[in-house]
Amino acid sequence: MNYTIKDAATGEVSMYLYGTIGEKVDGDLFAREIASVDGSELLKIHINSLGGNVLQGMSIVSAILSLSTPVHVYVDGVAASMA
């Protein structure tokens, strides 16, 4: 399951991509969540995933690349394959 946490004081958003994309993480939903936080001060994406469905993963990549918000990515365990 993925979680989105917004810190109202700083305007920073943290998102967690934990699990297999396409199984535990709906990549298309995750991409929409990313798009919805555009304009925040900073987006932090934490990853712990073995990868997963390439098409759903590409939705996530496309959403990240289209942001005007700076993005920092943290690998909390593993970021393999599509992750």
Protein backbone atom coordinates (compact mmCIF):
# COMPACT_ATOMS: atom_id res chain seq x y z
CA MET A 1 0.00 0.00 0.00
CA ASN A 2 1.22 3.50 -0.72
CA TYR A 3 0.83 6.41 1.65
CA THR A 4 0.93 10.14 1.04
CA ILE A 5 1.86 12.42 3.92
CA LYS A 6 1.88 16.21 3.63
CA ASP A 7 3.68 18.36 6.16
CA ALA A 8 1.57 21.52 6.33
CA ALA A 9 4.36 23.46 8.04
CA THR A 10 6.94 22.90 5.29
CA GLY A 11 4.76 22.16 2.26
CA GLU A 12 6.73 18.95 1.70
CA VAL A 13 4.99 15.75 0.61
CA SER A 14 6.27 12.22 1.31
CA MET A 15 5.03 9.26 -0.74
CA TYR A 16 5.84 5.61 -0.18
CA LEU A 17 6.14 3.12 -3.04
CA TYR A 18 6.37 -0.08 -1.03
CA GLY A 19 5.53 -3.32 -2.83
CA THR A 20 5.31 -4.70 -6.34
CA ILE A 21 4.01 -2.27 -8.95
CA GLY A 22 0.81 -3.66 -10.46
CA GLU A 23 0.14 -5.93 -7.51
CA LYS A 24 0.50 -4.20 -4.15
CA VAL A 25 0.95 -0.73 -5.69
CA ASP A 26 -1.45 0.46 -8.41
CA GLY A 27 0.99 2.33 -10.64
CA ASP A 28 -1.68 4.37 -12.40
CA LEU A 29 -3.20 5.49 -9.09
CA PHE A 30 0.26 6.30 -7.72
CA ALA A 31 0.92 8.43 -10.83
CA ARG A 32 -2.32 10.34 -10.28
CA GLU A 33 -1.35 10.92 -6.64
CA ILE A 34 2.02 12.28 -7.78
CA ALA A 35 0.33 14.65 -10.24
CA SER A 36 -2.02 15.87 -7.53
CA VAL A 37 0.84 17.23 -5.39
CA ASP A 38 2.41 19.35 -8.13
CA GLY A 39 3.10 22.80 -6.76
CA SER A 40 4.28 21.54 -3.37
CA GLU A 41 7.62 22.73 -2.01
CA LEU A 42 9.21 19.27 -2.33
CA LEU A 43 8.12 15.71 -3.11
CA LYS A 44 9.97 12.90 -1.31
CA ILE A 45 9.39 9.43 -2.75
CA HIS A 46 10.49 6.48 -0.60
CA ILE A 47 10.92 3.18 -2.50
CA ASN A 48 11.09 -0.42 -1.33
CA SER A 49 10.01 -2.51 -4.30
CA LEU A 50 11.17 -5.42 -6.41
CA GLY A 51 9.68 -3.74 -9.50
CA GLY A 52 6.64 -4.95 -11.34
CA ASN A 53 4.46 -4.05 -14.28
CA VAL A 54 6.41 -1.95 -16.80
CA LEU A 55 3.41 -0.08 -18.22
CA GLN A 56 2.19 0.97 -14.78
CA GLY A 57 5.74 1.89 -13.83
CA MET A 58 6.04 4.10 -16.89
CA SER A 59 2.93 5.98 -15.71
CA ILE A 60 4.81 6.77 -12.50
CA VAL A 61 7.95 7.86 -14.39
CA SER A 62 5.92 10.08 -16.70
CA ALA A 63 4.12 11.73 -13.76
CA ILE A 64 7.43 12.46 -12.03
CA LEU A 65 8.99 13.95 -15.17
CA SER A 66 6.03 16.26 -15.74
CA LEU A 67 6.21 17.85 -12.26
CA SER A 68 7.38 21.37 -11.61
CA THR A 69 7.94 20.32 -7.97
CA PRO A 70 11.47 19.19 -7.02
CA VAL A 71 11.63 15.43 -6.32
CA HIS A 72 13.98 13.57 -3.96
CA VAL A 73 13.96 9.76 -4.10
CA TYR A 74 15.07 7.55 -1.22
CA VAL A 75 15.65 3.80 -1.54
CA ASP A 76 14.56 2.41 1.83
CA GLY A 77 15.31 -1.21 0.97
CA VAL A 78 15.49 -2.17 -2.68
CA ALA A 79 14.55 -0.52 -5.96
CA ALA A 80 14.82 -3.29 -8.51
CA SER A 81 13.59 -3.66 -12.07
CA MET A 82 10.77 -1.15 -12.80
CA ALA A 83 11.01 0.39 -9.33
